[in-house]
Each structure stands twice: as structure tokens, then as C-alpha cells.
C-alpha atoms as a PDB file:
ATOM      1  CA  MET A   1     107.069  88.704 113.237  1.00  0.00           C
ATOM      2  CA  ALA A   2     107.977  90.151 116.631  1.00  0.00           C
ATOM      3  CA  SER A   3     111.625  90.672 115.563  1.00  0.00           C
ATOM      4  CA  LYS A   4     110.812  92.509 112.448  1.00  0.00           C
ATOM      5  CA  THR A   5     110.507  96.217 111.652  1.00  0.00           C
ATOM      6  CA  TRP A   6     108.342  97.478 108.890  1.00  0.00           C
ATOM      7  CA  PHE A   7     108.095 100.861 107.124  1.00  0.00           C
ATOM      8  CA  VAL A   8     104.665 101.655 105.804  1.00  0.00           C
ATOM      9  CA  THR A   9     103.505 104.501 103.532  1.00  0.00           C
ATOM     10  CA  GLY A  10      99.904 105.545 103.389  1.00  0.00           C
ATOM     11  CA  ALA A  11      99.351 104.029 106.747  1.00  0.00           C
ATOM     12  CA  SER A  12      96.415 106.237 107.857  1.00  0.00           C
ATOM     13  CA  ALA A  13      93.571 104.446 105.885  1.00  0.00           C
ATOM     14  CA  GLY A  14      92.655 101.487 103.759  1.00  0.00           C
ATOM     15  CA  ILE A  15      94.954  98.514 103.449  1.00  0.00           C
ATOM     16  CA  GLY A  16      97.886 100.466 104.868  1.00  0.00           C
ATOM     17  CA  ARG A  17      96.030 101.140 108.112  1.00  0.00           C
ATOM     18  CA  VAL A  18      94.939  97.415 108.426  1.00  0.00           C
ATOM     19  CA  VAL A  19      98.456  96.139 107.710  1.00  0.00           C
ATOM     20  CA  THR A  20      99.856  98.497 110.359  1.00  0.00           C
ATOM     21  CA  GLU A  21      97.362  97.278 112.916  1.00  0.00           C
ATOM     22  CA  HIS A  22      97.961  93.622 112.177  1.00  0.00           C
ATOM     23  CA  LEU A  23     101.698  94.096 112.424  1.00  0.00           C
ATOM     24  CA  LEU A  24     101.491  95.836 115.795  1.00  0.00           C
ATOM     25  CA  GLU A  25      99.086  93.242 117.147  1.00  0.00           C
ATOM     26  CA  GLN A  26     101.633  90.546 116.156  1.00  0.00           C
ATOM     27  CA  GLY A  27     104.503  92.277 118.062  1.00  0.00           C
ATOM     28  CA  ALA A  28     106.308  93.984 115.201  1.00  0.00           C
ATOM     29  CA  ARG A  29     107.707  97.539 115.086  1.00  0.00           C
ATOM     30  CA  VAL A  30     106.221  99.750 112.489  1.00  0.00           C
ATOM     31  CA  ALA A  31     107.416 103.058 111.104  1.00  0.00           C
ATOM     32  CA  ALA A  32     104.064 104.415 109.832  1.00  0.00           C
ATOM     33  CA  THR A  33     103.902 107.338 107.548  1.00  0.00           C
ATOM     34  CA  ALA A  34     100.970 109.364 106.262  1.00  0.00           C
ATOM     35  CA  ARG A  35     100.009 112.829 105.279  1.00  0.00           C
ATOM     36  CA  ARG A  36      98.011 113.086 108.591  1.00  0.00           C
ATOM     37  CA  PRO A  37      99.880 110.766 111.053  1.00  0.00           C
ATOM     38  CA  GLU A  38      97.659 112.120 113.829  1.00  0.00           C
ATOM     39  CA  VAL A  39      94.936 109.723 112.841  1.00  0.00           C
ATOM     40  CA  LEU A  40      97.243 106.915 114.089  1.00  0.00           C
ATOM     41  CA  SER A  41      97.208 108.332 117.669  1.00  0.00           C
ATOM     42  CA  ASP A  42      94.929 105.535 118.857  1.00  0.00           C
ATOM     43  CA  LEU A  43      97.513 103.045 117.809  1.00  0.00           C
ATOM     44  CA  ALA A  44     100.255 105.064 119.539  1.00  0.00           C
ATOM     45  CA  ASP A  45      98.205 104.904 122.729  1.00  0.00           C
ATOM     46  CA  ARG A  46      97.876 101.107 122.430  1.00  0.00           C
ATOM     47  CA  PHE A  47     101.344 100.140 121.291  1.00  0.00           C
ATOM     48  CA  GLY A  48     103.666 102.767 122.591  1.00  0.00           C
ATOM     49  CA  ASP A  49     107.177 103.046 121.175  1.00  0.00           C
ATOM     50  CA  ARG A  50     106.646 100.080 118.814  1.00  0.00           C
ATOM     51  CA  LEU A  51     104.901 102.616 116.566  1.00  0.00           C
ATOM     52  CA  TRP A  52     107.071 105.305 115.005  1.00  0.00           C
ATOM     53  CA  THR A  53     105.234 107.890 112.951  1.00  0.00           C
ATOM     54  CA  ALA A  54     106.040 110.672 110.561  1.00  0.00           C
ATOM     55  CA  SER A  55     104.149 113.100 108.368  1.00  0.00           C
ATOM     56  CA  LEU A  56     104.931 112.378 104.724  1.00  0.00           C
ATOM     57  CA  ASP A  57     103.775 113.289 101.289  1.00  0.00           C
ATOM     58  CA  VAL A  58     105.446 110.684  99.155  1.00  0.00           C
ATOM     59  CA  THR A  59     105.386 112.965  96.123  1.00  0.00           C
ATOM     60  CA  ASP A  60     107.804 115.274  97.909  1.00  0.00           C
ATOM     61  CA  THR A  61     111.021 113.465  97.021  1.00  0.00           C
ATOM     62  CA  LYS A  62     113.320 115.409  99.499  1.00  0.00           C
ATOM     63  CA  ALA A  63     110.854 114.797 102.348  1.00  0.00           C
ATOM     64  CA  LEU A  64     110.661 111.151 101.290  1.00  0.00           C
ATOM     65  CA  ASN A  65     114.423 110.706 101.364  1.00  0.00           C
ATOM     66  CA  ASP A  66     114.734 112.579 104.664  1.00  0.00           C
ATOM     67  CA  THR A  67     112.004 110.457 106.280  1.00  0.00           C
ATOM     68  CA  VAL A  68     113.661 107.228 105.206  1.00  0.00           C
ATOM     69  CA  GLU A  69     117.037 108.379 106.540  1.00  0.00           C
ATOM     70  CA  ARG A  70     115.442 109.352 109.895  1.00  0.00           C
ATOM     71  CA  ALA A  71     113.537 106.062 110.126  1.00  0.00           C
ATOM     72  CA  PHE A  72     116.637 103.911 109.653  1.00  0.00           C
ATOM     73  CA  ALA A  73     118.630 106.176 112.027  1.00  0.00           C
ATOM     74  CA  ASP A  74     116.030 105.994 114.750  1.00  0.00           C
ATOM     75  CA  LEU A  75     115.105 102.312 114.328  1.00  0.00           C
ATOM     76  CA  GLY A  76     118.465 100.836 113.466  1.00  0.00           C
ATOM     77  CA  ARG A  77     117.107  98.324 110.990  1.00  0.00           C
ATOM     78  CA  ILE A  78     114.108  98.080 108.804  1.00  0.00           C
ATOM     79  CA  ASP A  79     113.336  94.647 107.426  1.00  0.00           C
ATOM     80  CA  VAL A  80     110.359  95.270 105.242  1.00  0.00           C
ATOM     81  CA  VAL A  81     109.224  98.356 103.314  1.00  0.00           C
ATOM     82  CA  TYR A  82     105.552  98.344 102.367  1.00  0.00           C
ATOM     83  CA  SER A  83     104.902 101.017  99.629  1.00  0.00           C
ATOM     84  CA  ASN A  84     101.241 101.454  99.920  1.00  0.00           C
ATOM     85  CA  ALA A  85     100.464 105.137  99.351  1.00  0.00           C
ATOM     86  CA  GLY A  86      98.419 105.956  96.214  1.00  0.00           C
ATOM     87  CA  ARG A  87      95.044 106.567  94.762  1.00  0.00           C
ATOM     88  CA  GLY A  88      93.067 106.194  91.563  1.00  0.00           C
ATOM     89  CA  SER A  89      91.606 108.589  88.973  1.00  0.00           C
ATOM     90  CA  ALA A  90      88.597 108.223  86.769  1.00  0.00           C
ATOM     91  CA  GLY A  91      87.621 110.028  83.572  1.00  0.00           C
ATOM     92  CA  ALA A  92      88.257 109.733  79.859  1.00  0.00           C
ATOM     93  CA  ALA A  93      91.787 110.668  78.711  1.00  0.00           C
ATOM     94  CA  GLU A  94      90.408 113.855  77.176  1.00  0.00           C
ATOM     95  CA  GLU A  95      88.611 114.785  80.324  1.00  0.00           C
ATOM     96  CA  MET A  96      91.606 114.510  82.626  1.00  0.00           C
ATOM     97  CA  THR A  97      93.196 117.720  83.834  1.00  0.00           C
ATOM     98  CA  VAL A  98      97.025 118.258  83.584  1.00  0.00           C
ATOM     99  CA  ALA A  99      97.176 118.350  87.399  1.00  0.00           C
ATOM    100  CA  SER A 100      95.378 114.983  87.637  1.00  0.00           C
ATOM    101  CA  ILE A 101      97.617 113.385  85.111  1.00  0.00           C
ATOM    102  CA  ASP A 102     100.691 114.640  86.900  1.00  0.00           C
ATOM    103  CA  GLU A 103      99.399 113.463  90.298  1.00  0.00           C
ATOM    104  CA  GLN A 104      98.729 109.966  89.069  1.00  0.00           C
ATOM    105  CA  ILE A 105     102.288 109.556  87.771  1.00  0.00           C
ATOM    106  CA  ALA A 106     103.906 111.257  90.765  1.00  0.00           C
ATOM    107  CA  LEU A 107     101.945 109.314  93.371  1.00  0.00           C
ATOM    108  CA  ASN A 108     101.581 105.889  91.884  1.00  0.00           C
ATOM    109  CA  MET A 109     104.787 105.570  89.865  1.00  0.00           C
ATOM    110  CA  THR A 110     107.479 108.130  90.544  1.00  0.00           C
ATOM    111  CA  ALA A 111     107.191 108.074  94.401  1.00  0.00           C
ATOM    112  CA  PRO A 112     107.617 104.201  94.723  1.00  0.00           C
ATOM    113  CA  ILE A 113     110.704 104.488  92.438  1.00  0.00           C
ATOM    114  CA  HIS A 114     112.217 107.094  94.690  1.00  0.00           C
ATOM    115  CA  LEU A 115     111.218 105.170  97.779  1.00  0.00           C
ATOM    116  CA  LEU A 116     113.028 102.042  96.563  1.00  0.00           C
ATOM    117  CA  ARG A 117     116.097 104.152  95.647  1.00  0.00           C
ATOM    118  CA  ALA A 118     116.160 105.633  99.090  1.00  0.00           C
ATOM    119  CA  VAL A 119     116.022 102.331 101.018  1.00  0.00           C
ATOM    120  CA  LEU A 120     118.425 100.378  98.796  1.00  0.00           C
ATOM    121  CA  PRO A 121     121.616 101.718 100.342  1.00  0.00           C
ATOM    122  CA  HIS A 122     120.304 100.696 103.742  1.00  0.00           C
ATOM    123  CA  PHE A 123     119.194  97.260 102.578  1.00  0.00           C
ATOM    124  CA  ARG A 124     122.535  96.597 100.982  1.00  0.00           C
ATOM    125  CA  ALA A 125     124.331  97.794 104.131  1.00  0.00           C
ATOM    126  CA  GLN A 126     122.376  95.472 106.424  1.00  0.00           C
ATOM    127  CA  GLY A 127     122.654  92.511 104.091  1.00  0.00           C
ATOM    128  CA  GLY A 128     119.109  92.450 102.710  1.00  0.00           C
ATOM    129  CA  GLY A 129     115.525  93.412 103.017  1.00  0.00           C
ATOM    130  CA  ARG A 130     112.121  93.051 101.465  1.00  0.00           C
ATOM    131  CA  PHE A 131     110.256  95.680  99.362  1.00  0.00           C
ATOM    132  CA  ILE A 132     106.457  95.182  98.928  1.00  0.00           C
ATOM    133  CA  GLN A 133     104.841  97.449  96.303  1.00  0.00           C
ATOM    134  CA  MET A 134     100.990  97.823  96.314  1.00  0.00           C
ATOM    135  CA  SER A 135      99.803  97.504  92.782  1.00  0.00           C
ATOM    136  CA  THR A 136      96.530  96.223  91.404  1.00  0.00           C
ATOM    137  CA  MET A 137      94.927  93.704  88.928  1.00  0.00           C
ATOM    138  CA  GLY A 138      94.730  96.918  86.915  1.00  0.00           C
ATOM    139  CA  ALA A 139      98.369  96.426  85.993  1.00  0.00           C
ATOM    140  CA  HIS A 140      97.311  93.609  83.714  1.00  0.00           C
ATOM    141  CA  ILE A 141      93.822  94.642  82.690  1.00  0.00           C
ATOM    142  CA  THR A 142      92.376  97.997  81.627  1.00  0.00           C
ATOM    143  CA  THR A 143      88.997  99.808  82.088  1.00  0.00           C
ATOM    144  CA  PRO A 144      87.719 102.652  79.881  1.00  0.00           C
ATOM    145  CA  GLY A 145      87.805 105.823  82.045  1.00  0.00           C
ATOM    146  CA  ALA A 146      90.897 104.828  84.133  1.00  0.00           C
ATOM    147  CA  SER A 147      93.634 105.296  81.560  1.00  0.00           C
ATOM    148  CA  MET A 148      95.998 107.326  83.815  1.00  0.00           C
ATOM    149  CA  TYR A 149      95.616 105.004  86.729  1.00  0.00           C
ATOM    150  CA  HIS A 150      96.417 102.034  84.536  1.00  0.00           C
ATOM    151  CA  ALA A 151      99.322 103.866  82.965  1.00  0.00           C
ATOM    152  CA  SER A 152     100.847 104.547  86.396  1.00  0.00           C
ATOM    153  CA  LYS A 153     100.458 100.969  87.561  1.00  0.00           C
ATOM    154  CA  TRP A 154     101.647  99.327  84.322  1.00  0.00           C
ATOM    155  CA  GLY A 155     104.611 101.773  84.517  1.00  0.00           C
ATOM    156  CA  VAL A 156     105.559 101.058  88.112  1.00  0.00           C
ATOM    157  CA  GLU A 157     105.369  97.267  87.569  1.00  0.00           C
ATOM    158  CA  GLY A 158     107.685  97.588  84.504  1.00  0.00           C
ATOM    159  CA  PHE A 159     110.249  99.325  86.800  1.00  0.00           C
ATOM    160  CA  PHE A 160     110.099  96.761  89.528  1.00  0.00           C
ATOM    161  CA  GLU A 161     110.161  93.880  87.048  1.00  0.00           C
ATOM    162  CA  SER A 162     113.459  95.165  85.871  1.00  0.00           C
ATOM    163  CA  VAL A 163     114.899  96.050  89.214  1.00  0.00           C
ATOM    164  CA  ILE A 164     114.208  92.571  90.830  1.00  0.00           C
ATOM    165  CA  ALA A 165     117.203  91.027  89.124  1.00  0.00           C
ATOM    166  CA  GLU A 166     119.413  94.101  90.006  1.00  0.00           C
ATOM    167  CA  VAL A 167     118.956  93.847  93.663  1.00  0.00           C
ATOM    168  CA  GLU A 168     118.630  90.054  94.178  1.00  0.00           C
ATOM    169  CA  PRO A 169     122.403  89.616  94.637  1.00  0.00           C
ATOM    170  CA  PHE A 170     122.135  91.916  97.713  1.00  0.00           C
ATOM    171  CA  GLY A 171     119.541  89.762  99.389  1.00  0.00           C
ATOM    172  CA  VAL A 172     116.731  92.221  98.456  1.00  0.00           C
ATOM    173  CA  GLY A 173     113.426  90.727  97.430  1.00  0.00           C
ATOM    174  CA  ILE A 174     110.574  92.616  95.730  1.00  0.00           C
ATOM    175  CA  THR A 175     106.902  91.701  95.620  1.00  0.00           C
ATOM    176  CA  MET A 176     104.135  93.403  93.635  1.00  0.00           C
ATOM    177  CA  VAL A 177     100.689  92.999  95.397  1.00  0.00           C
ATOM    178  CA  GLU A 178      97.859  92.865  92.775  1.00  0.00           C
ATOM    179  CA  PRO A 179      94.449  92.842  94.567  1.00  0.00           C
ATOM    180  CA  GLY A 180      91.061  92.987  92.951  1.00  0.00           C
ATOM    181  CA  ILE A 181      88.272  95.168  94.356  1.00  0.00           C
ATOM    182  CA  ILE A 182      88.621  95.449  98.161  1.00  0.00           C
ATOM    183  CA  ARG A 183      86.095  96.885 100.690  1.00  0.00           C
ATOM    184  CA  THR A 184      88.082  99.957 101.467  1.00  0.00           C
ATOM    185  CA  THR A 185      87.667 103.708 101.009  1.00  0.00           C
ATOM    186  CA  PHE A 186      89.523 103.567  97.644  1.00  0.00           C
ATOM    187  CA  GLY A 187      86.420 104.251  95.544  1.00  0.00           C
ATOM    188  CA  ALA A 188      85.456 107.247  97.709  1.00  0.00           C
ATOM    189  CA  ASN A 189      88.893 108.797  97.365  1.00  0.00           C
ATOM    190  CA  LEU A 190      89.054 108.632  93.549  1.00  0.00           C
ATOM    191  CA  ASP A 191      90.081 111.771  91.643  1.00  0.00           C
ATOM    192  CA  VAL A 192      87.115 112.046  89.204  1.00  0.00           C
ATOM    193  CA  ALA A 193      87.602 114.329  86.263  1.00  0.00           C
ATOM    194  CA  PRO A 194      85.097 116.869  85.126  1.00  0.00           C
ATOM    195  CA  ALA A 195      82.560 115.226  82.808  1.00  0.00           C
ATOM    196  CA  MET A 196      82.307 115.967  79.066  1.00  0.00           C
ATOM    197  CA  THR A 197      78.833 115.477  77.512  1.00  0.00           C
ATOM    198  CA  GLU A 198      80.492 113.792  74.471  1.00  0.00           C
ATOM    199  CA  TYR A 199      81.470 110.768  76.608  1.00  0.00           C
ATOM    200  CA  ALA A 200      78.210 110.531  78.603  1.00  0.00           C
ATOM    201  CA  ASP A 201      76.548 107.728  76.452  1.00  0.00           C
ATOM    202  CA  GLY A 202      79.719 105.586  76.012  1.00  0.00           C
ATOM    203  CA  PRO A 203      81.707 103.270  78.303  1.00  0.00           C
ATOM    204  CA  VAL A 204      83.122 106.202  80.289  1.00  0.00           C
ATOM    205  CA  GLY A 205      79.573 107.341  81.079  1.00  0.00           C
ATOM    206  CA  GLN A 206      78.835 103.795  82.325  1.00  0.00           C
ATOM    207  CA  ILE A 207      81.907 103.797  84.442  1.00  0.00           C
ATOM    208  CA  ARG A 208      80.809 107.086  86.004  1.00  0.00           C
ATOM    209  CA  ALA A 209      77.387 105.635  86.812  1.00  0.00           C
ATOM    210  CA  TYR A 210      79.123 102.616  88.483  1.00  0.00           C
ATOM    211  CA  LEU A 211      81.330 104.767  90.608  1.00  0.00           C
ATOM    212  CA  GLU A 212      78.375 106.908  91.798  1.00  0.00           C
ATOM    213  CA  SER A 213      76.817 103.742  93.231  1.00  0.00           C
ATOM    214  CA  VAL A 214      78.282 103.382  96.679  1.00  0.00           C
ATOM    215  CA  ASP A 215      76.950  99.805  97.036  1.00  0.00           C
ATOM    216  CA  SER A 216      78.712  98.773  93.812  1.00  0.00           C
ATOM    217  CA  VAL A 217      82.147 100.178  94.771  1.00  0.00           C
ATOM    218  CA  THR A 218      82.315  99.290  98.472  1.00  0.00           C
ATOM    219  CA  ALA A 219      79.611  97.268 100.076  1.00  0.00           C
ATOM    220  CA  GLN A 220      79.587  94.564  97.384  1.00  0.00           C
ATOM    221  CA  ALA A 221      83.317  94.442  96.752  1.00  0.00           C
ATOM    222  CA  PRO A 222      84.408  90.857  97.107  1.00  0.00           C
ATOM    223  CA  GLY A 223      87.873  91.400  98.805  1.00  0.00           C
ATOM    224  CA  ASP A 224      88.175  91.301 102.598  1.00  0.00           C
ATOM    225  CA  PRO A 225      90.782  93.955 103.760  1.00  0.00           C
ATOM    226  CA  GLN A 226      91.671  91.943 106.801  1.00  0.00           C
ATOM    227  CA  LYS A 227      92.585  88.872 104.687  1.00  0.00           C
ATOM    228  CA  VAL A 228      94.456  91.107 102.212  1.00  0.00           C
ATOM    229  CA  ALA A 229      96.533  92.510 105.059  1.00  0.00           C
ATOM    230  CA  ALA A 230      97.256  89.041 106.409  1.00  0.00           C
ATOM    231  CA  ALA A 231      98.361  87.842 102.935  1.00  0.00           C
ATOM    232  CA  ILE A 232     100.659  90.774 102.450  1.00  0.00           C
ATOM    233  CA  ILE A 233     102.308  90.213 105.824  1.00  0.00           C
ATOM    234  CA  ALA A 234     102.717  86.542 105.198  1.00  0.00           C
ATOM    235  CA  SER A 235     104.365  87.182 101.826  1.00  0.00           C
ATOM    236  CA  ALA A 236     107.246  88.886 103.640  1.00  0.00           C
ATOM    237  CA  ASP A 237     108.223  85.535 105.117  1.00  0.00           C
ATOM    238  CA  SER A 238     108.155  83.668 101.827  1.00  0.00           C
ATOM    239  CA  THR A 239     111.533  82.765 100.318  1.00  0.00           C
ATOM    240  CA  PRO A 240     112.218  83.600  97.600  1.00  0.00           C
ATOM    241  CA  ALA A 241     110.114  86.646  97.517  1.00  0.00           C
ATOM    242  CA  PRO A 242     107.048  86.104  95.321  1.00  0.00           C
ATOM    243  CA  ARG A 243     107.288  88.388  92.305  1.00  0.00           C
ATOM    244  CA  ARG A 244     103.625  88.993  92.183  1.00  0.00           C
ATOM    245  CA  LEU A 245     100.830  88.346  94.703  1.00  0.00           C
ATOM    246  CA  ALA A 246      97.394  88.232  93.153  1.00  0.00           C
ATOM    247  CA  LEU A 247      94.599  88.647  95.802  1.00  0.00           C
ATOM    248  CA  GLY A 248      91.029  88.034  95.190  1.00  0.00           C
ATOM    249  CA  SER A 249      89.105  85.628  92.997  1.00  0.00           C
ATOM    250  CA  ASP A 250      88.141  88.560  90.789  1.00  0.00           C
ATOM    251  CA  ALA A 251      91.742  89.530  90.389  1.00  0.00           C
ATOM    252  CA  TYR A 252      92.838  86.004  89.515  1.00  0.00           C
ATOM    253  CA  GLN A 253      90.142  85.522  86.909  1.00  0.00           C
ATOM    254  CA  ALA A 254      90.482  88.982  85.254  1.00  0.00           C
ATOM    255  CA  MET A 255      94.255  88.732  85.125  1.00  0.00           C
ATOM    256  CA  ARG A 256      94.210  85.236  83.727  1.00  0.00           C
ATOM    257  CA  THR A 257      91.699  86.128  81.002  1.00  0.00           C
ATOM    258  CA  ALA A 258      93.800  89.139  80.012  1.00  0.00           C
ATOM    259  CA  LEU A 259      97.103  87.264  79.955  1.00  0.00           C
ATOM    260  CA  THR A 260      95.534  84.333  77.988  1.00  0.00           C
ATOM    261  CA  SER A 261      94.057  86.801  75.460  1.00  0.00           C
ATOM    262  CA  ARG A 262      97.380  88.559  75.113  1.00  0.00           C
ATOM    263  CA  ILE A 263      99.098  85.229  74.359  1.00  0.00           C
ATOM    264  CA  ALA A 264      96.510  84.457  71.723  1.00  0.00           C
ATOM    265  CA  GLU A 265      97.019  87.797  70.053  1.00  0.00           C
ATOM    266  CA  LEU A 266     100.788  87.248  70.053  1.00  0.00           C
ATOM    267  CA  ASP A 267     100.463  83.837  68.500  1.00  0.00           C
ATOM    268  CA  ALA A 268      98.124  85.184  65.803  1.00  0.00           C
ATOM    269  CA  GLY A 269     100.928  87.550  64.753  1.00  0.00           C
ATOM    270  CA  LYS A 270     103.687  84.871  64.767  1.00  0.00           C
ATOM    271  CA  GLN A 271     104.115  84.796  60.991  1.00  0.00           C
ATOM    272  CA  THR A 272     104.145  88.511  60.646  1.00  0.00           C
ATOM    273  CA  ALA A 273     106.757  88.706  63.480  1.00  0.00           C
ATOM    274  CA  ALA A 274     109.071  86.242  61.745  1.00  0.00           C
ATOM    275  CA  SER A 275     108.565  87.765  58.373  1.00  0.00           C
ATOM    276  CA  ILE A 276     110.817  90.799  59.088  1.00  0.00           C
ATOM    277  CA  ASP A 277     113.930  88.747  60.003  1.00  0.00           C
ATOM    278  CA  PHE A 278     116.915  88.885  57.542  1.00  0.00           C
END
């Protein structure tokens, strides 16, 4: 690990912050980006020039490209890019504002696409690299009241699923990290849509009640952020790169149930599928 250099987005809080701390403690160099990089000043005091920081809003594509260029120029080589920046939204599809919809797509889907595109020329030039995209078990399952969050995560996974084969010949590996519920500030940072009374007594209303319970969202979450960070870091040394990294017993069980159900639904329609052939 001491010989590697990482580039991390959303490094100021949550899993991004924990990953950054673990890497620095293990001797790695880290280019840590965040909207407010000043909150990383304590790490700069501890680890000196092994921590490179930059202010970055990943939804600003020009700033994203410029920051990537500057990081590679300053550090010479970046071995692993951890695309972590993102947040969730909650509310019925009808309740969501146009701004909230646009933000979810821009932050959770479009920004990682542009980040990969920005780093690929550098990865090709240096003979390879690893790209780790933070996703979620919500890229396989869905919850009423989180339609735009799921849309952004299902969408970004479709992009990376396709690109994996494109970049493999250049020595570039891609991993999608799919955790369950982790004890971080994710729940507190949700973009919650204004409530409509028409949805109060249905599943969306139940989700709102759940989110309003701090104990349910954070204190009782099964996932340990320290162990999540360690697993993400370890995945960068796995060859070949694991396509997906499910983290948490809740993630494993929920995803397995969803995938098994989807196969059963597909099999149930086998005769109909075959019936339209010439």
C-alpha cells in the first residue's frame, strides 16, 4: 500500500473520509477532494505532503476535469481512483422537485461517468489503473420513496458494466462497491422531498417515518464503516478486479433475494419470450 497513490472524491465525510484515513495510516499517498477540503486539515497536519487536497464539486464537469489533470501532474501517477461522492434522495416520484431529480442524476450517475472519462487517458498512458465506484445494494433492489436514487445507481452500474470490457485491454480494472446500510451520516444528508398528503398513508409515508427515526437509520445500521473501508482498500489489490463487491449481510441477502426473484420472473415468461421468434 505504501507505494500506491489514490484519488478520492467525497473525502470529507462518511466512507470517503474513513478510506482516506486508512490509506494514509497505511503509508499511501492520497489526493483527497471534497466540496470543503478544509475539514481534512487535521489529516494534513498528521500526514504532511502525503495528503494532496482540492476543492471539488464533482457535478462541475470542467472543474472535475481540471482537478484530475492537476492531480496527475502534481503526483505523477495515480494507481486507484475511488469515486465516492454522492448522496441519496427520498420522496415519491410525484413529490420530487425538478432540481432534486437533476441533482441525483448529475451527482450519482453523470459525475462518475465524467470522472472515469477524465482518468482513462492517464491510466492508458501509465499502463493500467483501478477505478472503484461507490454504488449500493440499491442498484439491485428498490424501495418505494427512493425512485430517483435507485434510478441513478441502476444507471451508473449499467454504464460501468459496459465499460469494463472496453478498458480491460489497457490494464484498467473496475469495481462497483455495493454496501448495505452503514453507520455513517448518509441518512442525515438525504435530500427529502416536500410531502404530499396523498402519500402519507402508503409505503412512502412509512419510509418517511423510518427516516425520521435517527436510531433506525444510523445507530442500528448493521454495517461497520471501518470494515467497509478496509474491504474497499483490499479490493484494489485483488486480481482480476472484482466486478462487484457486496458489503454487509443485509446487502448480500437483499440482493440475492432480488436476483433470485428476477430469475423466477424471467423463467415464468420463457414460453412467451420464445413465441415471438420467426
